[in-house]
Amino acid sequence: MGMKRGPAKRRLLLVLTWAGAVVLAPGRPAAAGDVTAFVAFPSPTDTWGRGYGAAISSTWFKVLNFEGEGARLPGDSADASMTSFTGSALVAPPVGAFTPYGGLGIGLFRQTLGTLSDTGVVRALVLGVKVKVGPVLVVKGEYRRLELSGDPLLEMTHRLSAGAGIAF
């Protein structure tokens, strides 16, 4: 003997079936972030040489990204350098393959000049664009206006960088 189901129970069963199908259906994997390596061109150019660095960016939120970056910049002489680590919050609305971004960053820097050294806070205004090429390649260009705390050994006002990496 079969049990008769009322219209409300049939609708509930139908909704639960569809909800289960949507939850269990394979979807397009969401990009969680990217890792990039870059070449940096700091200014003033008569004080700094070309440097390098790497960044990891979280894109779990559609328009808001968080980024961690480390950079190493040599000075114009062999005994001068700066290392910095910065965390940034970025507004990054994707537009097709392009993702323009901008935001603010804060971190730490350490400069050395011969036997002297200075450690302080670096603040950054960040503007850039990322371009996704194919399924995993990311290319980016960036401008950072920098403010170093205290009385740094060598002044740095801004930095341009270009890099490439992978999205995951």
C-alpha atoms as a PDB file:
ATOM      1  CA  MET A   1       0.000   0.000   0.000  1.00  0.00           C
ATOM      2  CA  GLY A   2       1.448   3.340  -1.041  1.00  0.00           C
ATOM      3  CA  MET A   3       1.076   6.476   0.984  1.00  0.00           C
ATOM      4  CA  LYS A   4      -0.497   9.456  -0.659  1.00  0.00           C
ATOM      5  CA  ARG A   5       1.491  12.657  -0.462  1.00  0.00           C
ATOM      6  CA  GLY A   6      -0.214  15.998  -0.239  1.00  0.00           C
ATOM      7  CA  PRO A   7       0.674  18.925  -2.579  1.00  0.00           C
ATOM      8  CA  ALA A   8       2.759  20.657   0.136  1.00  0.00           C
ATOM      9  CA  LYS A   9       4.894  17.556   0.721  1.00  0.00           C
ATOM     10  CA  ARG A  10       5.429  17.078  -3.044  1.00  0.00           C
ATOM     11  CA  ARG A  11       6.598  20.704  -3.409  1.00  0.00           C
ATOM     12  CA  LEU A  12       8.942  20.345  -0.436  1.00  0.00           C
ATOM     13  CA  LEU A  13      10.389  17.137  -1.896  1.00  0.00           C
ATOM     14  CA  LEU A  14      10.839  18.846  -5.290  1.00  0.00           C
ATOM     15  CA  VAL A  15      12.576  21.873  -3.723  1.00  0.00           C
ATOM     16  CA  LEU A  16      14.898  19.645  -1.663  1.00  0.00           C
ATOM     17  CA  THR A  17      15.755  17.564  -4.737  1.00  0.00           C
ATOM     18  CA  TRP A  18      16.627  20.670  -6.781  1.00  0.00           C
ATOM     19  CA  ALA A  19      18.608  22.183  -3.897  1.00  0.00           C
ATOM     20  CA  GLY A  20      20.598  18.967  -3.526  1.00  0.00           C
ATOM     21  CA  ALA A  21      21.315  18.872  -7.259  1.00  0.00           C
ATOM     22  CA  VAL A  22      22.569  22.474  -7.222  1.00  0.00           C
ATOM     23  CA  VAL A  23      24.798  21.901  -4.194  1.00  0.00           C
ATOM     24  CA  LEU A  24      26.270  18.638  -5.503  1.00  0.00           C
ATOM     25  CA  ALA A  25      26.634  19.646  -9.161  1.00  0.00           C
ATOM     26  CA  PRO A  26      30.204  20.339 -10.247  1.00  0.00           C
ATOM     27  CA  GLY A  27      30.769  24.049 -10.844  1.00  0.00           C
ATOM     28  CA  ARG A  28      33.464  26.192 -12.315  1.00  0.00           C
ATOM     29  CA  PRO A  29      36.317  26.413  -9.806  1.00  0.00           C
ATOM     30  CA  ALA A  30      36.619  29.850  -8.233  1.00  0.00           C
ATOM     31  CA  ALA A  31      40.009  31.551  -8.356  1.00  0.00           C
ATOM     32  CA  ALA A  32      41.367  31.906  -4.837  1.00  0.00           C
ATOM     33  CA  GLY A  33      44.321  34.163  -5.632  1.00  0.00           C
ATOM     34  CA  ASP A  34      47.618  34.528  -7.404  1.00  0.00           C
ATOM     35  CA  VAL A  35      51.345  34.497  -6.763  1.00  0.00           C
ATOM     36  CA  THR A  36      53.536  36.878  -8.760  1.00  0.00           C
ATOM     37  CA  ALA A  37      57.224  37.746  -8.986  1.00  0.00           C
ATOM     38  CA  PHE A  38      58.153  41.237 -10.119  1.00  0.00           C
ATOM     39  CA  VAL A  39      60.954  43.588 -11.081  1.00  0.00           C
ATOM     40  CA  ALA A  40      60.833  46.946  -9.271  1.00  0.00           C
ATOM     41  CA  PHE A  41      62.018  50.351 -10.453  1.00  0.00           C
ATOM     42  CA  PRO A  42      62.232  52.658  -7.385  1.00  0.00           C
ATOM     43  CA  SER A  43      62.627  56.430  -7.392  1.00  0.00           C
ATOM     44  CA  PRO A  44      64.670  58.546  -7.040  1.00  0.00           C
ATOM     45  CA  THR A  45      66.657  56.613  -9.656  1.00  0.00           C
ATOM     46  CA  ASP A  46      69.986  58.223  -8.718  1.00  0.00           C
ATOM     47  CA  THR A  47      69.661  56.645  -5.236  1.00  0.00           C
ATOM     48  CA  TRP A  48      68.180  53.226  -6.048  1.00  0.00           C
ATOM     49  CA  GLY A  49      68.869  50.381  -8.460  1.00  0.00           C
ATOM     50  CA  ARG A  50      66.409  47.924  -9.978  1.00  0.00           C
ATOM     51  CA  GLY A  51      65.045  45.506  -7.385  1.00  0.00           C
ATOM     52  CA  TYR A  52      62.829  42.441  -7.211  1.00  0.00           C
ATOM     53  CA  GLY A  53      60.084  40.956  -5.101  1.00  0.00           C
ATOM     54  CA  ALA A  54      57.097  38.652  -4.863  1.00  0.00           C
ATOM     55  CA  ALA A  55      53.456  39.008  -3.842  1.00  0.00           C
ATOM     56  CA  ILE A  56      50.612  36.686  -2.926  1.00  0.00           C
ATOM     57  CA  SER A  57      47.082  37.963  -3.394  1.00  0.00           C
ATOM     58  CA  SER A  58      43.762  36.621  -2.133  1.00  0.00           C
ATOM     59  CA  THR A  59      40.832  37.016  -4.519  1.00  0.00           C
ATOM     60  CA  TRP A  60      38.224  35.088  -2.531  1.00  0.00           C
ATOM     61  CA  PHE A  61      36.088  38.187  -2.399  1.00  0.00           C
ATOM     62  CA  LYS A  62      34.770  39.359  -5.762  1.00  0.00           C
ATOM     63  CA  VAL A  63      35.886  43.006  -5.494  1.00  0.00           C
ATOM     64  CA  LEU A  64      38.079  43.143  -2.345  1.00  0.00           C
ATOM     65  CA  ASN A  65      41.578  41.634  -2.418  1.00  0.00           C
ATOM     66  CA  PHE A  66      44.207  41.262   0.268  1.00  0.00           C
ATOM     67  CA  GLU A  67      47.880  41.099  -0.670  1.00  0.00           C
ATOM     68  CA  GLY A  68      51.163  40.362   1.070  1.00  0.00           C
ATOM     69  CA  GLU A  69      54.373  41.509  -0.587  1.00  0.00           C
ATOM     70  CA  GLY A  70      58.105  41.324   0.021  1.00  0.00           C
ATOM     71  CA  ALA A  71      60.648  43.393  -1.937  1.00  0.00           C
ATOM     72  CA  ARG A  72      64.423  43.778  -1.987  1.00  0.00           C
ATOM     73  CA  LEU A  73      65.858  46.972  -3.471  1.00  0.00           C
ATOM     74  CA  PRO A  74      69.589  47.655  -3.865  1.00  0.00           C
ATOM     75  CA  GLY A  75      70.947  51.180  -3.450  1.00  0.00           C
ATOM     76  CA  ASP A  76      73.208  53.001  -5.874  1.00  0.00           C
ATOM     77  CA  SER A  77      76.250  51.776  -3.924  1.00  0.00           C
ATOM     78  CA  ALA A  78      77.121  48.186  -3.016  1.00  0.00           C
ATOM     79  CA  ASP A  79      76.609  48.807   0.726  1.00  0.00           C
ATOM     80  CA  ALA A  80      73.073  50.272   0.451  1.00  0.00           C
ATOM     81  CA  SER A  81      69.791  48.313   0.325  1.00  0.00           C
ATOM     82  CA  MET A  82      66.211  48.183   1.519  1.00  0.00           C
ATOM     83  CA  THR A  83      63.965  45.227   2.319  1.00  0.00           C
ATOM     84  CA  SER A  84      60.235  45.740   2.835  1.00  0.00           C
ATOM     85  CA  PHE A  85      57.208  43.639   3.748  1.00  0.00           C
ATOM     86  CA  THR A  86      53.778  45.147   3.081  1.00  0.00           C
ATOM     87  CA  GLY A  87      50.177  44.047   3.557  1.00  0.00           C
ATOM     88  CA  SER A  88      47.561  45.761   1.361  1.00  0.00           C
ATOM     89  CA  ALA A  89      43.776  45.960   1.090  1.00  0.00           C
ATOM     90  CA  LEU A  90      42.763  46.528  -2.541  1.00  0.00           C
ATOM     91  CA  VAL A  91      39.547  47.257  -4.403  1.00  0.00           C
ATOM     92  CA  ALA A  92      39.844  45.121  -7.564  1.00  0.00           C
ATOM     93  CA  PRO A  93      36.730  44.853  -9.754  1.00  0.00           C
ATOM     94  CA  PRO A  94      37.343  42.309 -12.554  1.00  0.00           C
ATOM     95  CA  VAL A  95      36.490  43.532 -16.071  1.00  0.00           C
ATOM     96  CA  GLY A  96      36.855  40.523 -18.375  1.00  0.00           C
ATOM     97  CA  ALA A  97      40.504  39.462 -18.446  1.00  0.00           C
ATOM     98  CA  PHE A  98      41.577  42.786 -16.845  1.00  0.00           C
ATOM     99  CA  THR A  99      41.493  43.580 -13.137  1.00  0.00           C
ATOM    100  CA  PRO A 100      42.343  47.177 -12.286  1.00  0.00           C
ATOM    101  CA  TYR A 101      43.081  47.641  -8.588  1.00  0.00           C
ATOM    102  CA  GLY A 102      43.847  50.303  -6.046  1.00  0.00           C
ATOM    103  CA  GLY A 103      44.142  50.563  -2.302  1.00  0.00           C
ATOM    104  CA  LEU A 104      46.329  51.148   0.701  1.00  0.00           C
ATOM    105  CA  GLY A 105      49.201  49.191   2.184  1.00  0.00           C
ATOM    106  CA  ILE A 106      51.218  49.273   5.386  1.00  0.00           C
ATOM    107  CA  GLY A 107      54.279  47.341   6.454  1.00  0.00           C
ATOM    108  CA  LEU A 108      57.857  47.403   7.659  1.00  0.00           C
ATOM    109  CA  PHE A 109      61.098  48.372   5.951  1.00  0.00           C
ATOM    110  CA  ARG A 110      64.754  47.988   6.856  1.00  0.00           C
ATOM    111  CA  GLN A 111      67.445  50.034   5.169  1.00  0.00           C
ATOM    112  CA  THR A 112      71.192  49.572   5.428  1.00  0.00           C
ATOM    113  CA  LEU A 113      73.923  51.966   4.360  1.00  0.00           C
ATOM    114  CA  GLY A 114      77.371  50.683   5.241  1.00  0.00           C
ATOM    115  CA  THR A 115      77.373  50.028   9.001  1.00  0.00           C
ATOM    116  CA  LEU A 116      74.207  52.116   9.545  1.00  0.00           C
ATOM    117  CA  SER A 117      70.704  50.660   9.546  1.00  0.00           C
ATOM    118  CA  ASP A 118      67.172  51.970   9.974  1.00  0.00           C
ATOM    119  CA  THR A 119      63.915  50.117  10.532  1.00  0.00           C
ATOM    120  CA  GLY A 120      60.536  51.784  10.203  1.00  0.00           C
ATOM    121  CA  VAL A 121      57.007  51.759   8.828  1.00  0.00           C
ATOM    122  CA  VAL A 122      56.245  52.000   5.115  1.00  0.00           C
ATOM    123  CA  ARG A 123      52.856  53.243   3.913  1.00  0.00           C
ATOM    124  CA  ALA A 124      51.772  52.798   0.312  1.00  0.00           C
ATOM    125  CA  LEU A 125      49.123  54.022  -2.085  1.00  0.00           C
ATOM    126  CA  VAL A 126      48.806  51.186  -4.604  1.00  0.00           C
ATOM    127  CA  LEU A 127      47.436  51.427  -8.186  1.00  0.00           C
ATOM    128  CA  GLY A 128      47.783  48.718 -10.816  1.00  0.00           C
ATOM    129  CA  VAL A 129      46.282  46.327 -13.305  1.00  0.00           C
ATOM    130  CA  LYS A 130      46.421  42.544 -13.666  1.00  0.00           C
ATOM    131  CA  VAL A 131      45.735  40.722 -16.911  1.00  0.00           C
ATOM    132  CA  LYS A 132      44.849  37.039 -16.926  1.00  0.00           C
ATOM    133  CA  VAL A 133      46.394  35.281 -19.939  1.00  0.00           C
ATOM    134  CA  GLY A 134      45.012  31.799 -20.445  1.00  0.00           C
ATOM    135  CA  PRO A 135      43.787  29.689 -17.552  1.00  0.00           C
ATOM    136  CA  VAL A 136      46.569  30.367 -15.016  1.00  0.00           C
ATOM    137  CA  LEU A 137      49.051  33.043 -16.193  1.00  0.00           C
ATOM    138  CA  VAL A 138      48.788  36.517 -14.610  1.00  0.00           C
ATOM    139  CA  VAL A 139      50.724  39.586 -15.796  1.00  0.00           C
ATOM    140  CA  LYS A 140      50.685  42.809 -13.755  1.00  0.00           C
ATOM    141  CA  GLY A 141      51.928  46.382 -13.750  1.00  0.00           C
ATOM    142  CA  GLU A 142      51.858  48.544 -10.641  1.00  0.00           C
ATOM    143  CA  TYR A 143      52.604  51.993  -9.200  1.00  0.00           C
ATOM    144  CA  ARG A 144      53.209  52.532  -5.472  1.00  0.00           C
ATOM    145  CA  ARG A 145      53.516  55.947  -3.850  1.00  0.00           C
ATOM    146  CA  LEU A 146      55.615  55.314  -0.742  1.00  0.00           C
ATOM    147  CA  GLU A 147      56.020  57.077   2.579  1.00  0.00           C
ATOM    148  CA  LEU A 148      58.825  55.923   4.892  1.00  0.00           C
ATOM    149  CA  SER A 149      58.535  56.774   8.590  1.00  0.00           C
ATOM    150  CA  GLY A 150      61.074  58.702  10.613  1.00  0.00           C
ATOM    151  CA  ASP A 151      64.295  59.839   9.004  1.00  0.00           C
ATOM    152  CA  PRO A 152      65.228  57.035   6.558  1.00  0.00           C
ATOM    153  CA  LEU A 153      68.858  56.645   5.478  1.00  0.00           C
ATOM    154  CA  LEU A 154      67.815  56.923   1.812  1.00  0.00           C
ATOM    155  CA  GLU A 155      64.547  58.454   0.639  1.00  0.00           C
ATOM    156  CA  MET A 156      62.221  56.506  -1.661  1.00  0.00           C
ATOM    157  CA  THR A 157      59.131  58.306  -2.999  1.00  0.00           C
ATOM    158  CA  HIS A 158      57.554  55.801  -5.369  1.00  0.00           C
ATOM    159  CA  ARG A 159      58.064  52.535  -7.214  1.00  0.00           C
ATOM    160  CA  LEU A 160      56.968  51.074 -10.540  1.00  0.00           C
ATOM    161  CA  SER A 161      56.936  47.321 -11.010  1.00  0.00           C
ATOM    162  CA  ALA A 162      56.119  44.734 -13.649  1.00  0.00           C
ATOM    163  CA  GLY A 163      55.640  41.054 -12.988  1.00  0.00           C
ATOM    164  CA  ALA A 164      54.100  37.734 -13.868  1.00  0.00           C
ATOM    165  CA  GLY A 165      52.853  34.722 -11.987  1.00  0.00           C
ATOM    166  CA  ILE A 166      50.160  32.086 -11.654  1.00  0.00           C
ATOM    167  CA  ALA A 167      46.547  32.164 -10.525  1.00  0.00           C
ATOM    168  CA  PHE A 168      45.311  29.347  -8.312  1.00  0.00           C
END
